[in-house]
Amino acid sequence: MNVPRRVINLAGALLVVVVFATGVMLLAMPAYLQSGEIDNQRRAIETSNAQLSAEIATLQKQQAELPEIEKQLGKLRDQIPSIPQLDDISELA
């Protein structure tokens, strides 16, 4: 059986291409797709961290204003009578 060299080289080249394509499909593509998913998760975490940082900054600003708010609240509480005036309510009814 005398097979021309050209056919043998062509079959060998085809085999190399098939093995290379199989390696890409089984090894490289899953790793590439997984890296895309990890990149999406990283972006989502960065967005979440930015939102949380903004919320922390807002809360720290409000914490700095807390003594003034408590002072205003104390003034408002002083305006509320300590004894309920039920007589006034019955007269209105």
N, C-alpha and C. Protein backbone atom coordinates (compact mmCIF):
# COMPACT_ATOMS: atom_id res chain seq x y z
N MET A 1 0.86 -1.16 0.00
CA MET A 1 0.00 0.00 0.00
C MET A 1 0.91 1.23 0.00
N ASN A 2 0.81 1.95 -1.07
CA ASN A 2 1.68 3.09 -1.26
C ASN A 2 0.83 4.36 -1.21
N VAL A 3 0.83 5.04 -0.04
CA VAL A 3 0.04 6.26 0.15
C VAL A 3 0.97 7.44 -0.13
N PRO A 4 0.53 8.34 -0.98
CA PRO A 4 1.39 9.50 -1.29
C PRO A 4 1.68 10.33 -0.03
N ARG A 5 2.86 10.93 -0.01
CA ARG A 5 3.28 11.73 1.13
C ARG A 5 2.34 12.90 1.37
N ARG A 6 1.81 13.43 0.32
CA ARG A 6 0.93 14.57 0.44
C ARG A 6 -0.31 14.23 1.26
N VAL A 7 -0.88 13.07 1.06
CA VAL A 7 -2.07 12.64 1.79
C VAL A 7 -1.72 12.42 3.27
N ILE A 8 -0.55 11.85 3.52
CA ILE A 8 -0.12 11.63 4.90
C ILE A 8 0.08 12.97 5.60
N ASN A 9 0.71 13.92 4.94
CA ASN A 9 0.91 15.25 5.53
C ASN A 9 -0.42 15.95 5.76
N LEU A 10 -1.33 15.81 4.82
CA LEU A 10 -2.65 16.42 4.95
C LEU A 10 -3.42 15.81 6.12
N ALA A 11 -3.37 14.50 6.26
CA ALA A 11 -4.04 13.82 7.38
C ALA A 11 -3.40 14.24 8.71
N GLY A 12 -2.09 14.35 8.74
CA GLY A 12 -1.40 14.79 9.96
C GLY A 12 -1.76 16.22 10.33
N ALA A 13 -1.81 17.08 9.32
CA ALA A 13 -2.18 18.48 9.58
C ALA A 13 -3.62 18.56 10.07
N LEU A 14 -4.49 17.77 9.48
CA LEU A 14 -5.90 17.75 9.90
C LEU A 14 -6.01 17.24 11.34
N LEU A 15 -5.23 16.23 11.69
CA LEU A 15 -5.24 15.69 13.05
C LEU A 15 -4.74 16.75 14.04
N VAL A 16 -3.70 17.50 13.68
CA VAL A 16 -3.19 18.55 14.56
C VAL A 16 -4.24 19.62 14.76
N VAL A 17 -4.94 20.01 13.69
CA VAL A 17 -5.98 21.03 13.79
C VAL A 17 -7.12 20.54 14.68
N VAL A 18 -7.52 19.28 14.52
CA VAL A 18 -8.61 18.72 15.34
C VAL A 18 -8.19 18.67 16.81
N VAL A 19 -6.98 18.24 17.11
CA VAL A 19 -6.51 18.19 18.49
C VAL A 19 -6.43 19.59 19.08
N PHE A 20 -5.93 20.55 18.30
CA PHE A 20 -5.84 21.93 18.77
C PHE A 20 -7.23 22.50 19.04
N ALA A 21 -8.18 22.28 18.12
CA ALA A 21 -9.54 22.80 18.30
C ALA A 21 -10.20 22.16 19.52
N THR A 22 -9.97 20.87 19.71
CA THR A 22 -10.53 20.18 20.87
C THR A 22 -9.94 20.75 22.16
N GLY A 23 -8.65 20.99 22.17
CA GLY A 23 -8.01 21.58 23.35
C GLY A 23 -8.56 22.96 23.65
N VAL A 24 -8.78 23.75 22.62
CA VAL A 24 -9.33 25.08 22.82
C VAL A 24 -10.74 24.98 23.39
N MET A 25 -11.55 24.10 22.84
CA MET A 25 -12.93 23.97 23.29
C MET A 25 -13.03 23.39 24.70
N LEU A 26 -12.17 22.49 25.06
CA LEU A 26 -12.27 21.84 26.37
C LEU A 26 -11.51 22.56 27.47
N LEU A 27 -10.46 23.30 27.13
CA LEU A 27 -9.64 23.93 28.15
C LEU A 27 -9.74 25.45 28.13
N ALA A 28 -9.52 26.03 27.00
CA ALA A 28 -9.42 27.49 26.94
C ALA A 28 -10.78 28.17 27.04
N MET A 29 -11.79 27.68 26.36
CA MET A 29 -13.10 28.33 26.38
C MET A 29 -13.73 28.36 27.77
N PRO A 30 -13.75 27.25 28.52
CA PRO A 30 -14.31 27.33 29.88
C PRO A 30 -13.57 28.33 30.76
N ALA A 31 -12.25 28.37 30.65
CA ALA A 31 -11.47 29.32 31.46
C ALA A 31 -11.80 30.75 31.05
N TYR A 32 -11.94 30.99 29.76
CA TYR A 32 -12.28 32.33 29.27
C TYR A 32 -13.67 32.74 29.73
N LEU A 33 -14.64 31.84 29.64
CA LEU A 33 -16.01 32.15 30.06
C LEU A 33 -16.06 32.39 31.57
N GLN A 34 -15.32 31.60 32.32
CA GLN A 34 -15.29 31.78 33.78
C GLN A 34 -14.65 33.12 34.14
N SER A 35 -13.64 33.52 33.40
CA SER A 35 -13.02 34.82 33.69
C SER A 35 -14.00 35.95 33.40
N GLY A 36 -14.86 35.79 32.40
CA GLY A 36 -15.89 36.80 32.13
C GLY A 36 -16.88 36.89 33.27
N GLU A 37 -17.28 35.75 33.82
CA GLU A 37 -18.20 35.75 34.96
C GLU A 37 -17.55 36.40 36.18
N ILE A 38 -16.29 36.11 36.41
CA ILE A 38 -15.58 36.70 37.54
C ILE A 38 -15.47 38.21 37.36
N ASP A 39 -15.23 38.65 36.13
CA ASP A 39 -15.14 40.09 35.87
C ASP A 39 -16.48 40.77 36.12
N ASN A 40 -17.58 40.12 35.74
CA ASN A 40 -18.91 40.68 36.02
C ASN A 40 -19.16 40.78 37.52
N GLN A 41 -18.76 39.76 38.26
CA GLN A 41 -18.92 39.79 39.71
C GLN A 41 -18.07 40.90 40.33
N ARG A 42 -16.87 41.10 39.80
CA ARG A 42 -15.99 42.16 40.31
C ARG A 42 -16.62 43.53 40.09
N ARG A 43 -17.20 43.74 38.91
CA ARG A 43 -17.86 45.02 38.64
C ARG A 43 -19.06 45.23 39.56
N ALA A 44 -19.83 44.17 39.80
CA ALA A 44 -20.98 44.29 40.70
C ALA A 44 -20.54 44.62 42.12
N ILE A 45 -19.46 44.02 42.56
CA ILE A 45 -18.94 44.29 43.91
C ILE A 45 -18.41 45.72 44.00
N GLU A 46 -17.74 46.19 42.95
CA GLU A 46 -17.25 47.57 42.96
C GLU A 46 -18.40 48.57 43.04
N THR A 47 -19.48 48.29 42.31
CA THR A 47 -20.66 49.16 42.36
C THR A 47 -21.27 49.14 43.75
N SER A 48 -21.39 47.96 44.32
CA SER A 48 -21.94 47.83 45.67
C SER A 48 -21.07 48.55 46.68
N ASN A 49 -19.77 48.42 46.56
CA ASN A 49 -18.85 49.10 47.49
C ASN A 49 -18.97 50.62 47.36
N ALA A 50 -19.13 51.11 46.14
CA ALA A 50 -19.27 52.55 45.94
C ALA A 50 -20.56 53.06 46.59
N GLN A 51 -21.65 52.29 46.45
CA GLN A 51 -22.91 52.68 47.07
C GLN A 51 -22.79 52.67 48.59
N LEU A 52 -22.16 51.64 49.12
CA LEU A 52 -21.99 51.55 50.57
C LEU A 52 -21.09 52.67 51.10
N SER A 53 -20.06 53.02 50.35
CA SER A 53 -19.19 54.12 50.76
C SER A 53 -19.95 55.44 50.81
N ALA A 54 -20.82 55.65 49.82
CA ALA A 54 -21.63 56.87 49.81
C ALA A 54 -22.59 56.88 51.00
N GLU A 55 -23.17 55.72 51.31
CA GLU A 55 -24.08 55.62 52.45
C GLU A 55 -23.33 55.86 53.77
N ILE A 56 -22.12 55.34 53.88
CA ILE A 56 -21.31 55.56 55.09
C ILE A 56 -20.99 57.05 55.25
N ALA A 57 -20.64 57.70 54.14
CA ALA A 57 -20.34 59.14 54.21
C ALA A 57 -21.56 59.92 54.67
N THR A 58 -22.74 59.55 54.17
CA THR A 58 -23.97 60.22 54.59
C THR A 58 -24.24 60.00 56.07
N LEU A 59 -24.07 58.77 56.52
CA LEU A 59 -24.30 58.46 57.94
C LEU A 59 -23.30 59.17 58.85
N GLN A 60 -22.05 59.29 58.41
CA GLN A 60 -21.06 60.01 59.22
C GLN A 60 -21.42 61.49 59.32
N LYS A 61 -21.92 62.05 58.22
CA LYS A 61 -22.35 63.45 58.24
C LYS A 61 -23.53 63.63 59.20
N GLN A 62 -24.48 62.69 59.14
CA GLN A 62 -25.63 62.76 60.04
C GLN A 62 -25.20 62.57 61.49
N GLN A 63 -24.21 61.73 61.73
CA GLN A 63 -23.73 61.52 63.09
C GLN A 63 -23.11 62.80 63.64
N ALA A 64 -22.45 63.55 62.78
CA ALA A 64 -21.86 64.81 63.23
C ALA A 64 -22.96 65.82 63.59
N GLU A 65 -24.12 65.73 62.96
CA GLU A 65 -25.23 66.63 63.22
C GLU A 65 -26.13 66.14 64.36
N LEU A 66 -25.85 64.97 64.90
CA LEU A 66 -26.71 64.36 65.91
C LEU A 66 -26.88 65.22 67.17
N PRO A 67 -25.86 65.83 67.74
CA PRO A 67 -26.07 66.65 68.94
C PRO A 67 -27.05 67.81 68.70
N GLU A 68 -26.95 68.44 67.55
CA GLU A 68 -27.87 69.54 67.23
C GLU A 68 -29.30 69.02 67.10
N ILE A 69 -29.47 67.88 66.48
CA ILE A 69 -30.80 67.30 66.32
C ILE A 69 -31.37 66.92 67.68
N GLU A 70 -30.54 66.34 68.56
CA GLU A 70 -31.03 65.98 69.90
C GLU A 70 -31.41 67.22 70.70
N LYS A 71 -30.69 68.31 70.51
CA LYS A 71 -31.02 69.56 71.20
C LYS A 71 -32.39 70.07 70.71
N GLN A 72 -32.61 70.03 69.40
CA GLN A 72 -33.91 70.45 68.86
C GLN A 72 -35.03 69.53 69.34
N LEU A 73 -34.74 68.25 69.42
CA LEU A 73 -35.73 67.29 69.90
C LEU A 73 -36.08 67.56 71.35
N GLY A 74 -35.10 67.91 72.15
CA GLY A 74 -35.36 68.24 73.56
C GLY A 74 -36.27 69.46 73.68
N LYS A 75 -36.05 70.46 72.84
CA LYS A 75 -36.91 71.64 72.86
C LYS A 75 -38.34 71.27 72.48
N LEU A 76 -38.48 70.41 71.49
CA LEU A 76 -39.83 69.99 71.07
C LEU A 76 -40.50 69.15 72.16
N ARG A 77 -39.72 68.32 72.86
CA ARG A 77 -40.30 67.51 73.93
C ARG A 77 -40.77 68.40 75.09
N ASP A 78 -40.07 69.48 75.32
CA ASP A 78 -40.48 70.40 76.39
C ASP A 78 -41.83 71.04 76.08
N GLN A 79 -42.18 71.15 74.83
CA GLN A 79 -43.45 71.76 74.44
C GLN A 79 -44.63 70.82 74.64
N ILE A 80 -44.37 69.52 74.77
CA ILE A 80 -45.44 68.55 74.98
C ILE A 80 -45.77 68.51 76.46
N PRO A 81 -47.04 68.69 76.83
CA PRO A 81 -47.40 68.65 78.25
C PRO A 81 -47.20 67.25 78.82
N SER A 82 -46.72 67.21 80.06
CA SER A 82 -46.45 65.91 80.67
C SER A 82 -47.74 65.24 81.16
N ILE A 83 -48.78 66.03 81.51
CA ILE A 83 -50.06 65.48 81.95
C ILE A 83 -51.05 65.62 80.79
N PRO A 84 -51.61 64.52 80.34
CA PRO A 84 -52.56 64.62 79.24
C PRO A 84 -53.78 65.42 79.68
N GLN A 85 -54.15 66.29 78.84
CA GLN A 85 -55.31 67.14 79.16
C GLN A 85 -56.54 66.55 78.48
N LEU A 86 -57.11 65.52 79.14
CA LEU A 86 -58.25 64.83 78.57
C LEU A 86 -59.51 65.68 78.62
N ASP A 87 -59.55 66.63 79.53
CA ASP A 87 -60.74 67.49 79.62
C ASP A 87 -60.89 68.31 78.34
N ASP A 88 -59.81 68.79 77.82
CA ASP A 88 -59.86 69.58 76.59
C ASP A 88 -60.38 68.75 75.43
N ILE A 89 -59.99 67.49 75.39
CA ILE A 89 -60.43 66.62 74.30
C ILE A 89 -61.93 66.36 74.40
N SER A 90 -62.41 66.12 75.62
CA SER A 90 -63.87 65.86 75.79
C SER A 90 -64.66 67.11 75.48
N GLU A 91 -64.16 68.31 75.79
CA GLU A 91 -64.86 69.52 75.47
C GLU A 91 -64.94 69.74 73.98
N LEU A 92 -63.87 69.37 73.26
CA LEU A 92 -63.89 69.54 71.81
C LEU A 92 -64.87 68.56 71.17
N ALA A 93 -65.01 67.38 71.75
CA ALA A 93 -65.91 66.38 71.19
C ALA A 93 -67.32 66.79 71.46
